[in-house]
C-alpha atoms as a PDB file:
ATOM      1  CA  MET A   1     -24.686  -0.645 -47.847  1.00  0.00           C
ATOM      2  CA  LYS A   2     -23.424  -0.812 -45.161  1.00  0.00           C
ATOM      3  CA  GLU A   3     -19.926  -2.943 -44.896  1.00  0.00           C
ATOM      4  CA  LYS A   4     -21.289  -5.764 -43.049  1.00  0.00           C
ATOM      5  CA  ASN A   5     -24.255  -6.658 -45.469  1.00  0.00           C
ATOM      6  CA  LYS A   6     -21.400  -6.825 -48.768  1.00  0.00           C
ATOM      7  CA  HIS A   7     -20.491 -10.363 -46.873  1.00  0.00           C
ATOM      8  CA  LYS A   8     -20.636 -13.691 -49.389  1.00  0.00           C
ATOM      9  CA  SER A   9     -21.821 -17.050 -48.203  1.00  0.00           C
ATOM     10  CA  GLY A  10     -22.508 -20.129 -50.411  1.00  0.00           C
ATOM     11  CA  PHE A  11     -23.050 -23.287 -50.727  1.00  0.00           C
ATOM     12  CA  ILE A  12     -20.162 -25.233 -52.806  1.00  0.00           C
ATOM     13  CA  SER A  13     -21.159 -29.085 -53.606  1.00  0.00           C
ATOM     14  CA  ILE A  14     -17.925 -31.536 -55.127  1.00  0.00           C
ATOM     15  CA  ILE A  15     -19.777 -34.175 -56.849  1.00  0.00           C
ATOM     16  CA  GLY A  16     -17.783 -37.065 -59.172  1.00  0.00           C
ATOM     17  CA  ASN A  17     -16.909 -40.870 -59.860  1.00  0.00           C
ATOM     18  CA  PRO A  18     -15.143 -42.565 -57.028  1.00  0.00           C
ATOM     19  CA  ASN A  19     -11.338 -41.613 -56.747  1.00  0.00           C
ATOM     20  CA  VAL A  20     -11.397 -38.336 -58.458  1.00  0.00           C
ATOM     21  CA  GLY A  21      -9.989 -36.723 -55.696  1.00  0.00           C
ATOM     22  CA  LYS A  22     -13.000 -35.120 -54.131  1.00  0.00           C
ATOM     23  CA  SER A  23     -11.627 -35.225 -50.804  1.00  0.00           C
ATOM     24  CA  THR A  24      -8.250 -34.127 -50.742  1.00  0.00           C
ATOM     25  CA  LEU A  25      -9.583 -30.538 -52.871  1.00  0.00           C
ATOM     26  CA  MET A  26     -11.727 -30.269 -50.162  1.00  0.00           C
ATOM     27  CA  ASN A  27      -8.785 -30.516 -47.554  1.00  0.00           C
ATOM     28  CA  ALA A  28      -6.917 -28.655 -49.831  1.00  0.00           C
ATOM     29  CA  LEU A  29      -9.417 -25.894 -49.950  1.00  0.00           C
ATOM     30  CA  VAL A  30     -10.144 -25.911 -45.761  1.00  0.00           C
ATOM     31  CA  GLY A  31      -6.881 -26.277 -44.963  1.00  0.00           C
ATOM     32  CA  LYS A  32      -6.988 -29.625 -42.586  1.00  0.00           C
ATOM     33  CA  GLU A  33      -7.567 -32.888 -43.328  1.00  0.00           C
ATOM     34  CA  LEU A  34     -11.405 -33.144 -42.727  1.00  0.00           C
ATOM     35  CA  SER A  35     -12.327 -35.901 -44.945  1.00  0.00           C
ATOM     36  CA  ILE A  36     -10.058 -39.214 -45.121  1.00  0.00           C
ATOM     37  CA  ILE A  37      -8.416 -40.246 -48.195  1.00  0.00           C
ATOM     38  CA  THR A  38      -7.583 -43.934 -49.539  1.00  0.00           C
ATOM     39  CA  PRO A  39      -7.482 -45.377 -52.976  1.00  0.00           C
ATOM     40  CA  LYS A  40     -10.006 -47.549 -52.596  1.00  0.00           C
ATOM     41  CA  ALA A  41     -13.878 -46.946 -53.781  1.00  0.00           C
ATOM     42  CA  GLN A  42     -16.352 -45.539 -51.214  1.00  0.00           C
ATOM     43  CA  THR A  43     -13.842 -44.207 -49.145  1.00  0.00           C
ATOM     44  CA  THR A  44     -16.139 -40.951 -48.585  1.00  0.00           C
ATOM     45  CA  ARG A  45     -19.762 -42.305 -46.950  1.00  0.00           C
ATOM     46  CA  HIS A  46     -20.962 -39.641 -45.403  1.00  0.00           C
ATOM     47  CA  ARG A  47     -21.991 -35.813 -47.171  1.00  0.00           C
ATOM     48  CA  ILE A  48     -19.545 -34.027 -44.911  1.00  0.00           C
ATOM     49  CA  LEU A  49     -19.156 -30.304 -45.141  1.00  0.00           C
ATOM     50  CA  GLY A  50     -16.222 -28.204 -44.583  1.00  0.00           C
ATOM     51  CA  ILE A  51     -15.998 -24.244 -43.920  1.00  0.00           C
ATOM     52  CA  VAL A  52     -13.968 -21.684 -45.483  1.00  0.00           C
ATOM     53  CA  ASN A  53     -14.192 -18.512 -43.951  1.00  0.00           C
ATOM     54  CA  GLY A  54     -12.722 -15.290 -44.711  1.00  0.00           C
ATOM     55  CA  LYS A  55     -13.590 -11.264 -43.220  1.00  0.00           C
ATOM     56  CA  ASN A  56     -16.304 -10.663 -45.919  1.00  0.00           C
ATOM     57  CA  PHE A  57     -16.837 -14.116 -47.324  1.00  0.00           C
ATOM     58  CA  GLN A  58     -17.679 -17.723 -45.904  1.00  0.00           C
ATOM     59  CA  ILE A  59     -17.659 -20.719 -48.258  1.00  0.00           C
ATOM     60  CA  VAL A  60     -19.042 -24.038 -47.126  1.00  0.00           C
ATOM     61  CA  LEU A  61     -17.639 -26.651 -49.338  1.00  0.00           C
ATOM     62  CA  SER A  62     -19.499 -30.455 -49.332  1.00  0.00           C
ATOM     63  CA  ASP A  63     -17.929 -33.509 -50.127  1.00  0.00           C
ATOM     64  CA  THR A  64     -19.943 -36.408 -51.425  1.00  0.00           C
ATOM     65  CA  PRO A  65     -19.618 -40.079 -51.546  1.00  0.00           C
ATOM     66  CA  GLY A  66     -18.643 -41.080 -55.118  1.00  0.00           C
ATOM     67  CA  ILE A  67     -21.092 -41.788 -57.969  1.00  0.00           C
ATOM     68  CA  ILE A  68     -21.951 -45.164 -57.769  1.00  0.00           C
ATOM     69  CA  LYS A  69     -24.609 -48.185 -58.630  1.00  0.00           C
ATOM     70  CA  PRO A  70     -26.361 -48.486 -55.382  1.00  0.00           C
ATOM     71  CA  ALA A  71     -26.263 -52.461 -54.348  1.00  0.00           C
ATOM     72  CA  TYR A  72     -27.892 -52.704 -50.880  1.00  0.00           C
ATOM     73  CA  LYS A  73     -29.403 -49.579 -48.716  1.00  0.00           C
ATOM     74  CA  MET A  74     -26.420 -48.257 -47.166  1.00  0.00           C
ATOM     75  CA  GLN A  75     -25.522 -47.051 -50.973  1.00  0.00           C
ATOM     76  CA  ASN A  76     -28.957 -46.099 -51.744  1.00  0.00           C
ATOM     77  CA  SER A  77     -28.377 -44.028 -48.701  1.00  0.00           C
ATOM     78  CA  MET A  78     -24.631 -42.565 -50.188  1.00  0.00           C
ATOM     79  CA  MET A  79     -26.594 -41.818 -53.410  1.00  0.00           C
ATOM     80  CA  ASN A  80     -29.164 -39.774 -51.210  1.00  0.00           C
ATOM     81  CA  PHE A  81     -26.183 -37.339 -50.203  1.00  0.00           C
ATOM     82  CA  VAL A  82     -25.597 -36.832 -53.857  1.00  0.00           C
ATOM     83  CA  LYS A  83     -28.898 -35.464 -54.778  1.00  0.00           C
ATOM     84  CA  GLU A  84     -29.141 -33.458 -51.591  1.00  0.00           C
ATOM     85  CA  ALA A  85     -25.829 -31.644 -52.891  1.00  0.00           C
ATOM     86  CA  LEU A  86     -27.327 -31.000 -56.211  1.00  0.00           C
ATOM     87  CA  ILE A  87     -30.169 -29.738 -54.910  1.00  0.00           C
ATOM     88  CA  ASP A  88     -28.088 -27.080 -52.232  1.00  0.00           C
ATOM     89  CA  ALA A  89     -25.736 -26.127 -54.074  1.00  0.00           C
ATOM     90  CA  ASP A  90     -25.284 -22.617 -55.007  1.00  0.00           C
ATOM     91  CA  ILE A  91     -21.927 -23.580 -57.073  1.00  0.00           C
ATOM     92  CA  LEU A  92     -21.531 -27.116 -58.392  1.00  0.00           C
ATOM     93  CA  ILE A  93     -17.965 -28.789 -58.795  1.00  0.00           C
ATOM     94  CA  PHE A  94     -17.780 -31.758 -60.824  1.00  0.00           C
ATOM     95  CA  MET A  95     -14.514 -33.635 -60.499  1.00  0.00           C
ATOM     96  CA  VAL A  96     -13.194 -35.900 -63.662  1.00  0.00           C
ATOM     97  CA  THR A  97      -9.605 -36.832 -64.103  1.00  0.00           C
ATOM     98  CA  VAL A  98      -7.807 -36.277 -66.929  1.00  0.00           C
ATOM     99  CA  GLU A  99      -8.655 -40.186 -68.316  1.00  0.00           C
ATOM    100  CA  GLU A 100     -12.641 -39.735 -68.052  1.00  0.00           C
ATOM    101  CA  THR A 101     -13.876 -38.450 -71.414  1.00  0.00           C
ATOM    102  CA  GLU A 102     -17.176 -40.745 -71.311  1.00  0.00           C
ATOM    103  CA  LEU A 103     -20.690 -39.461 -69.960  1.00  0.00           C
ATOM    104  CA  LYS A 104     -21.058 -43.430 -67.823  1.00  0.00           C
ATOM    105  CA  ASP A 105     -24.042 -41.421 -66.065  1.00  0.00           C
ATOM    106  CA  GLU A 106     -26.810 -39.973 -68.392  1.00  0.00           C
ATOM    107  CA  LYS A 107     -29.647 -38.676 -65.857  1.00  0.00           C
ATOM    108  CA  LEU A 108     -26.994 -37.436 -63.528  1.00  0.00           C
ATOM    109  CA  PHE A 109     -25.472 -35.145 -66.643  1.00  0.00           C
ATOM    110  CA  GLU A 110     -28.897 -33.967 -67.597  1.00  0.00           C
ATOM    111  CA  ARG A 111     -29.421 -32.837 -64.426  1.00  0.00           C
ATOM    112  CA  ILE A 112     -25.879 -30.756 -63.959  1.00  0.00           C
ATOM    113  CA  LYS A 113     -27.217 -29.096 -67.014  1.00  0.00           C
ATOM    114  CA  LYS A 114     -30.555 -28.187 -65.809  1.00  0.00           C
ATOM    115  CA  SER A 115     -28.742 -26.895 -62.330  1.00  0.00           C
ATOM    116  CA  LYS A 116     -29.276 -23.117 -61.682  1.00  0.00           C
ATOM    117  CA  ALA A 117     -25.746 -23.088 -59.531  1.00  0.00           C
ATOM    118  CA  SER A 118     -22.665 -21.826 -61.232  1.00  0.00           C
ATOM    119  CA  LEU A 119     -20.584 -25.164 -62.434  1.00  0.00           C
ATOM    120  CA  PHE A 120     -16.917 -25.814 -62.473  1.00  0.00           C
ATOM    121  CA  ILE A 121     -15.595 -28.723 -64.232  1.00  0.00           C
ATOM    122  CA  LEU A 122     -12.139 -29.710 -62.169  1.00  0.00           C
ATOM    123  CA  ILE A 123     -10.154 -31.705 -64.556  1.00  0.00           C
ATOM    124  CA  ASN A 124      -7.945 -33.410 -61.180  1.00  0.00           C
ATOM    125  CA  LYS A 125      -4.581 -35.521 -61.084  1.00  0.00           C
ATOM    126  CA  ILE A 126      -2.636 -33.332 -63.883  1.00  0.00           C
ATOM    127  CA  ASP A 127       0.502 -33.800 -62.375  1.00  0.00           C
ATOM    128  CA  LEU A 128      -0.046 -37.468 -63.633  1.00  0.00           C
ATOM    129  CA  SER A 129      -0.643 -36.886 -67.021  1.00  0.00           C
ATOM    130  CA  ARG A 130       0.547 -35.093 -70.785  1.00  0.00           C
ATOM    131  CA  GLN A 131      -0.176 -31.802 -71.370  1.00  0.00           C
ATOM    132  CA  LYS A 132      -1.373 -32.859 -74.693  1.00  0.00           C
ATOM    133  CA  LEU A 133      -4.114 -35.010 -73.190  1.00  0.00           C
ATOM    134  CA  VAL A 134      -4.780 -32.692 -70.556  1.00  0.00           C
ATOM    135  CA  GLU A 135      -5.515 -30.334 -73.345  1.00  0.00           C
ATOM    136  CA  LYS A 136      -7.904 -32.741 -75.198  1.00  0.00           C
ATOM    137  CA  THR A 137      -9.734 -33.170 -72.366  1.00  0.00           C
ATOM    138  CA  VAL A 138     -10.088 -29.514 -71.711  1.00  0.00           C
ATOM    139  CA  LYS A 139     -11.891 -29.328 -74.855  1.00  0.00           C
ATOM    140  CA  TYR A 140     -14.036 -32.143 -74.495  1.00  0.00           C
ATOM    141  CA  TRP A 141     -15.693 -31.000 -71.294  1.00  0.00           C
ATOM    142  CA  GLU A 142     -15.590 -27.620 -72.710  1.00  0.00           C
ATOM    143  CA  SER A 143     -17.794 -29.174 -75.664  1.00  0.00           C
ATOM    144  CA  ILE A 144     -20.343 -31.234 -73.419  1.00  0.00           C
ATOM    145  CA  PHE A 145     -20.708 -28.108 -70.668  1.00  0.00           C
ATOM    146  CA  PRO A 146     -20.190 -24.612 -72.729  1.00  0.00           C
ATOM    147  CA  THR A 147     -20.748 -22.357 -69.896  1.00  0.00           C
ATOM    148  CA  ALA A 148     -19.096 -23.920 -67.176  1.00  0.00           C
ATOM    149  CA  LYS A 149     -15.970 -23.080 -66.332  1.00  0.00           C
ATOM    150  CA  VAL A 150     -13.160 -26.243 -66.963  1.00  0.00           C
ATOM    151  CA  CYS A 151     -10.342 -26.124 -65.015  1.00  0.00           C
ATOM    152  CA  PRO A 152      -7.014 -28.249 -64.913  1.00  0.00           C
ATOM    153  CA  ILE A 153      -5.941 -28.620 -61.434  1.00  0.00           C
ATOM    154  CA  SER A 154      -3.918 -31.037 -58.723  1.00  0.00           C
ATOM    155  CA  ALA A 155      -5.599 -31.117 -55.643  1.00  0.00           C
ATOM    156  CA  LEU A 156      -2.594 -33.239 -54.325  1.00  0.00           C
ATOM    157  CA  THR A 157       0.227 -31.194 -55.411  1.00  0.00           C
ATOM    158  CA  GLY A 158      -2.348 -27.700 -54.856  1.00  0.00           C
ATOM    159  CA  PHE A 159      -1.693 -26.566 -58.410  1.00  0.00           C
ATOM    160  CA  PHE A 160      -4.476 -24.093 -59.440  1.00  0.00           C
ATOM    161  CA  ILE A 161      -6.012 -24.221 -55.817  1.00  0.00           C
ATOM    162  CA  PRO A 162      -5.873 -20.792 -54.936  1.00  0.00           C
ATOM    163  CA  GLU A 163      -7.050 -19.468 -58.337  1.00  0.00           C
ATOM    164  CA  LEU A 164      -9.807 -21.542 -57.748  1.00  0.00           C
ATOM    165  CA  LEU A 165     -10.775 -20.385 -54.103  1.00  0.00           C
ATOM    166  CA  ASP A 166     -10.545 -16.697 -55.696  1.00  0.00           C
ATOM    167  CA  LEU A 167     -12.889 -17.633 -58.429  1.00  0.00           C
ATOM    168  CA  ILE A 168     -15.415 -19.026 -56.101  1.00  0.00           C
ATOM    169  CA  ILE A 169     -15.333 -15.912 -53.749  1.00  0.00           C
ATOM    170  CA  GLU A 170     -16.322 -14.108 -56.782  1.00  0.00           C
ATOM    171  CA  LEU A 171     -19.152 -15.976 -57.459  1.00  0.00           C
ATOM    172  CA  LEU A 172     -20.748 -16.229 -53.924  1.00  0.00           C
ATOM    173  CA  PRO A 173     -23.627 -14.399 -53.541  1.00  0.00           C
ATOM    174  CA  LEU A 174     -24.547 -11.564 -51.018  1.00  0.00           C
ATOM    175  CA  SER A 175     -25.303 -13.259 -47.274  1.00  0.00           C
ATOM    176  CA  PRO A 176     -24.717 -13.101 -44.297  1.00  0.00           C
ATOM    177  CA  PRO A 177     -22.531 -16.481 -42.668  1.00  0.00           C
ATOM    178  CA  TYR A 178     -24.451 -19.744 -42.372  1.00  0.00           C
ATOM    179  CA  PHE A 179     -22.238 -21.091 -39.607  1.00  0.00           C
ATOM    180  CA  PRO A 180     -20.054 -19.399 -36.861  1.00  0.00           C
ATOM    181  CA  LYS A 181     -17.063 -17.398 -38.478  1.00  0.00           C
ATOM    182  CA  ASP A 182     -15.195 -20.099 -36.261  1.00  0.00           C
ATOM    183  CA  GLN A 183     -16.231 -23.612 -37.089  1.00  0.00           C
ATOM    184  CA  LEU A 184     -14.299 -25.359 -39.923  1.00  0.00           C
ATOM    185  CA  THR A 185     -17.155 -28.171 -40.791  1.00  0.00           C
ATOM    186  CA  ASP A 186     -20.178 -29.459 -39.460  1.00  0.00           C
ATOM    187  CA  ARG A 187     -19.843 -32.781 -37.715  1.00  0.00           C
ATOM    188  CA  PRO A 188     -18.857 -33.213 -34.496  1.00  0.00           C
ATOM    189  CA  GLU A 189     -15.499 -34.591 -32.864  1.00  0.00           C
ATOM    190  CA  ARG A 190     -17.139 -38.343 -32.393  1.00  0.00           C
ATOM    191  CA  PHE A 191     -17.571 -38.461 -36.202  1.00  0.00           C
ATOM    192  CA  PHE A 192     -13.764 -37.776 -37.186  1.00  0.00           C
ATOM    193  CA  VAL A 193     -12.827 -40.199 -34.623  1.00  0.00           C
ATOM    194  CA  ASN A 194     -15.053 -42.547 -36.647  1.00  0.00           C
ATOM    195  CA  GLU A 195     -13.394 -41.772 -40.048  1.00  0.00           C
ATOM    196  CA  SER A 196     -10.034 -41.780 -38.808  1.00  0.00           C
ATOM    197  CA  ILE A 197     -11.034 -45.470 -37.450  1.00  0.00           C
ATOM    198  CA  ARG A 198     -12.318 -46.464 -40.814  1.00  0.00           C
ATOM    199  CA  GLU A 199      -9.622 -44.798 -42.731  1.00  0.00           C
ATOM    200  CA  GLN A 200      -6.930 -47.017 -41.251  1.00  0.00           C
ATOM    201  CA  ILE A 201      -9.410 -50.072 -41.564  1.00  0.00           C
ATOM    202  CA  LEU A 202      -9.736 -49.041 -45.086  1.00  0.00           C
ATOM    203  CA  LYS A 203      -5.547 -48.873 -45.552  1.00  0.00           C
ATOM    204  CA  HIS A 204      -4.692 -51.699 -43.946  1.00  0.00           C
ATOM    205  CA  TYR A 205      -7.299 -54.355 -45.205  1.00  0.00           C
ATOM    206  CA  ASP A 206      -8.660 -55.961 -48.556  1.00  0.00           C
ATOM    207  CA  LYS A 207     -11.678 -57.506 -49.827  1.00  0.00           C
ATOM    208  CA  GLU A 208     -15.085 -57.314 -48.204  1.00  0.00           C
ATOM    209  CA  ILE A 209     -13.519 -55.817 -44.798  1.00  0.00           C
ATOM    210  CA  PRO A 210     -13.206 -52.067 -45.337  1.00  0.00           C
ATOM    211  CA  TYR A 211     -17.104 -52.304 -47.001  1.00  0.00           C
ATOM    212  CA  SER A 212     -18.546 -54.392 -44.275  1.00  0.00           C
ATOM    213  CA  VAL A 213     -17.442 -52.127 -41.428  1.00  0.00           C
ATOM    214  CA  GLU A 214     -19.311 -49.285 -39.186  1.00  0.00           C
ATOM    215  CA  VAL A 215     -16.908 -47.278 -36.537  1.00  0.00           C
ATOM    216  CA  ILE A 216     -19.154 -45.777 -33.257  1.00  0.00           C
ATOM    217  CA  THR A 217     -17.249 -43.717 -30.422  1.00  0.00           C
ATOM    218  CA  ASP A 218     -19.629 -44.714 -27.428  1.00  0.00           C
ATOM    219  CA  GLU A 219     -17.099 -42.422 -24.958  1.00  0.00           C
ATOM    220  CA  PHE A 220     -15.085 -39.309 -25.495  1.00  0.00           C
ATOM    221  CA  ILE A 221     -14.025 -37.443 -22.612  1.00  0.00           C
ATOM    222  CA  GLU A 222     -11.294 -34.343 -23.264  1.00  0.00           C
ATOM    223  CA  SER A 223      -9.122 -33.076 -20.545  1.00  0.00           C
ATOM    224  CA  SER A 224      -6.442 -30.280 -20.865  1.00  0.00           C
ATOM    225  CA  LYS A 225      -3.901 -32.669 -22.211  1.00  0.00           C
ATOM    226  CA  ILE A 226      -5.564 -35.833 -23.163  1.00  0.00           C
ATOM    227  CA  ILE A 227      -8.680 -37.263 -24.845  1.00  0.00           C
ATOM    228  CA  LYS A 228      -9.442 -40.800 -23.517  1.00  0.00           C
ATOM    229  CA  ILE A 229     -11.355 -42.661 -26.828  1.00  0.00           C
ATOM    230  CA  ARG A 230     -13.306 -45.870 -26.831  1.00  0.00           C
ATOM    231  CA  SER A 231     -14.707 -46.913 -30.273  1.00  0.00           C
ATOM    232  CA  ILE A 232     -16.578 -49.783 -31.442  1.00  0.00           C
ATOM    233  CA  ILE A 233     -15.946 -51.323 -34.853  1.00  0.00           C
ATOM    234  CA  LEU A 234     -18.959 -53.442 -35.951  1.00  0.00           C
ATOM    235  CA  VAL A 235     -18.716 -56.382 -39.048  1.00  0.00           C
ATOM    236  CA  GLU A 236     -21.533 -58.022 -40.149  1.00  0.00           C
ATOM    237  CA  ARG A 237     -19.671 -61.870 -39.367  1.00  0.00           C
ATOM    238  CA  GLU A 238     -18.055 -63.712 -37.100  1.00  0.00           C
ATOM    239  CA  THR A 239     -15.588 -64.878 -39.819  1.00  0.00           C
ATOM    240  CA  GLN A 240     -14.897 -60.487 -40.589  1.00  0.00           C
ATOM    241  CA  LYS A 241     -14.422 -60.216 -36.884  1.00  0.00           C
ATOM    242  CA  GLY A 242     -11.475 -62.843 -36.496  1.00  0.00           C
ATOM    243  CA  ILE A 243      -9.703 -61.027 -39.562  1.00  0.00           C
ATOM    244  CA  LEU A 244     -10.224 -57.430 -38.072  1.00  0.00           C
ATOM    245  CA  ILE A 245      -9.073 -58.765 -34.795  1.00  0.00           C
ATOM    246  CA  GLY A 246      -5.754 -60.899 -36.601  1.00  0.00           C
ATOM    247  CA  HIS A 247      -3.430 -63.175 -34.533  1.00  0.00           C
ATOM    248  CA  LYS A 248      -3.382 -62.396 -31.101  1.00  0.00           C
ATOM    249  CA  GLY A 249      -4.796 -59.001 -32.199  1.00  0.00           C
ATOM    250  CA  ASN A 250      -1.758 -57.796 -34.199  1.00  0.00           C
ATOM    251  CA  ALA A 251      -4.103 -56.344 -36.717  1.00  0.00           C
ATOM    252  CA  LEU A 252      -6.608 -54.232 -34.793  1.00  0.00           C
ATOM    253  CA  LYS A 253      -3.172 -53.059 -33.382  1.00  0.00           C
ATOM    254  CA  GLN A 254      -1.891 -51.862 -36.087  1.00  0.00           C
ATOM    255  CA  VAL A 255      -5.845 -49.759 -37.020  1.00  0.00           C
ATOM    256  CA  GLY A 256      -5.444 -48.303 -33.399  1.00  0.00           C
ATOM    257  CA  ILE A 257      -1.549 -47.408 -34.283  1.00  0.00           C
ATOM    258  CA  GLY A 258      -2.358 -45.438 -37.209  1.00  0.00           C
ATOM    259  CA  ALA A 259      -5.584 -44.338 -36.257  1.00  0.00           C
ATOM    260  CA  ARG A 260      -4.331 -42.907 -32.845  1.00  0.00           C
ATOM    261  CA  LYS A 261      -1.134 -40.765 -34.721  1.00  0.00           C
ATOM    262  CA  SER A 262      -3.500 -39.104 -36.893  1.00  0.00           C
ATOM    263  CA  LEU A 263      -6.138 -38.316 -34.066  1.00  0.00           C
ATOM    264  CA  GLN A 264      -3.461 -36.949 -32.192  1.00  0.00           C
ATOM    265  CA  ASN A 265      -2.566 -34.722 -35.485  1.00  0.00           C
ATOM    266  CA  PHE A 266      -6.352 -33.453 -36.237  1.00  0.00           C
ATOM    267  CA  PHE A 267      -6.849 -32.276 -32.452  1.00  0.00           C
ATOM    268  CA  GLY A 268      -3.145 -31.588 -31.259  1.00  0.00           C
ATOM    269  CA  LYS A 269      -3.475 -33.767 -28.186  1.00  0.00           C
ATOM    270  CA  LYS A 270      -2.280 -37.276 -27.055  1.00  0.00           C
ATOM    271  CA  ILE A 271      -4.931 -39.280 -27.708  1.00  0.00           C
ATOM    272  CA  HIS A 272      -6.045 -42.545 -25.364  1.00  0.00           C
ATOM    273  CA  LEU A 273      -7.824 -44.982 -27.344  1.00  0.00           C
ATOM    274  CA  GLU A 274      -9.509 -48.247 -26.971  1.00  0.00           C
ATOM    275  CA  LEU A 275     -10.996 -50.114 -29.416  1.00  0.00           C
ATOM    276  CA  PHE A 276     -13.336 -53.262 -29.744  1.00  0.00           C
ATOM    277  CA  VAL A 277     -15.521 -55.253 -32.441  1.00  0.00           C
ATOM    278  CA  LYS A 278     -18.833 -56.193 -31.962  1.00  0.00           C
ATOM    279  CA  ILE A 279     -20.900 -57.628 -34.906  1.00  0.00           C
ATOM    280  CA  SER A 280     -24.320 -56.425 -36.341  1.00  0.00           C
ATOM    281  CA  LYS A 281     -25.684 -58.415 -38.811  1.00  0.00           C
ATOM    282  CA  ASN A 282     -26.210 -57.115 -42.122  1.00  0.00           C
ATOM    283  CA  TRP A 283     -25.726 -53.435 -40.505  1.00  0.00           C
ATOM    284  CA  ARG A 284     -25.951 -52.312 -44.506  1.00  0.00           C
ATOM    285  CA  SER A 285     -29.591 -53.320 -45.181  1.00  0.00           C
ATOM    286  CA  ASN A 286     -31.340 -52.872 -41.545  1.00  0.00           C
ATOM    287  CA  ASN A 287     -33.302 -49.683 -41.544  1.00  0.00           C
ATOM    288  CA  LYS A 288     -32.710 -49.023 -38.265  1.00  0.00           C
ATOM    289  CA  GLU A 289     -28.997 -49.331 -37.509  1.00  0.00           C
ATOM    290  CA  LEU A 290     -27.946 -46.845 -41.193  1.00  0.00           C
ATOM    291  CA  LYS A 291     -30.403 -44.766 -38.927  1.00  0.00           C
ATOM    292  CA  ARG A 292     -28.254 -45.081 -36.100  1.00  0.00           C
ATOM    293  CA  PHE A 293     -24.936 -44.325 -38.206  1.00  0.00           C
ATOM    294  CA  GLY A 294     -26.136 -41.522 -39.654  1.00  0.00           C
ATOM    295  CA  TYR A 295     -27.818 -42.537 -43.156  1.00  0.00           C
ATOM    296  CA  ASN A 296     -30.799 -41.129 -44.502  1.00  0.00           C
ATOM    297  CA  ASN A 297     -33.355 -43.795 -45.247  1.00  0.00           C
END
């Protein structure tokens, strides 16, 4: 067999409940902040691919929305991303925290058990827990999934991340790369602009505001030293628009400052960012709008 035919590639899907650290794990494995991270549920709305390339391997990681019971059409689309990830996976990572020892979604667990993919149960955030509780949680999940690799990790501190990467590489099937070897993700630049702005909104606002907004970037002009960006934040109601902008525009200004700093780190260039707020009534339940924003219907 020729050396080039020994290349290994595979799809690894990361699923779990909200706030288990899926996006932190994805970023740790890729080595770049592709997925936004906040303490709020529903931070991740889309399925985002992160690609780890080596000389003889390519790992295609899929970060998915946290598992929730859908309340409107957008959340149905979010859960469709999770279902797709279960189908596509060569390796399936199910993430929990140390405190999670309940089967909250029986249908999901049955689908995981029936999956032919190699299975990891990752117990995250062990840096915030005691050793005895970690050992108890490991035994519990080993009893539920006896054929899975159950691994305590800390995605935030990097504990067991290099070892996990080695285990994943061992299980990859023989295959040529699915993407060019210099590619880090399947998403375009504008997607990361939108996500960076939405991350700042999640950090700066409470109640319904973070969950009622969508961001679209209608201008992205890149030169050698600067990127000029014009983005529109959509809300569902006039009152939300007022809250988002704030007194004399100060609240929106803070969003812009935070997003610009984040984007300068991401792109490695100076960023000129303009933000505007518009109303799109009930966009989360509007099939046409959901399709425009990249959600499945």
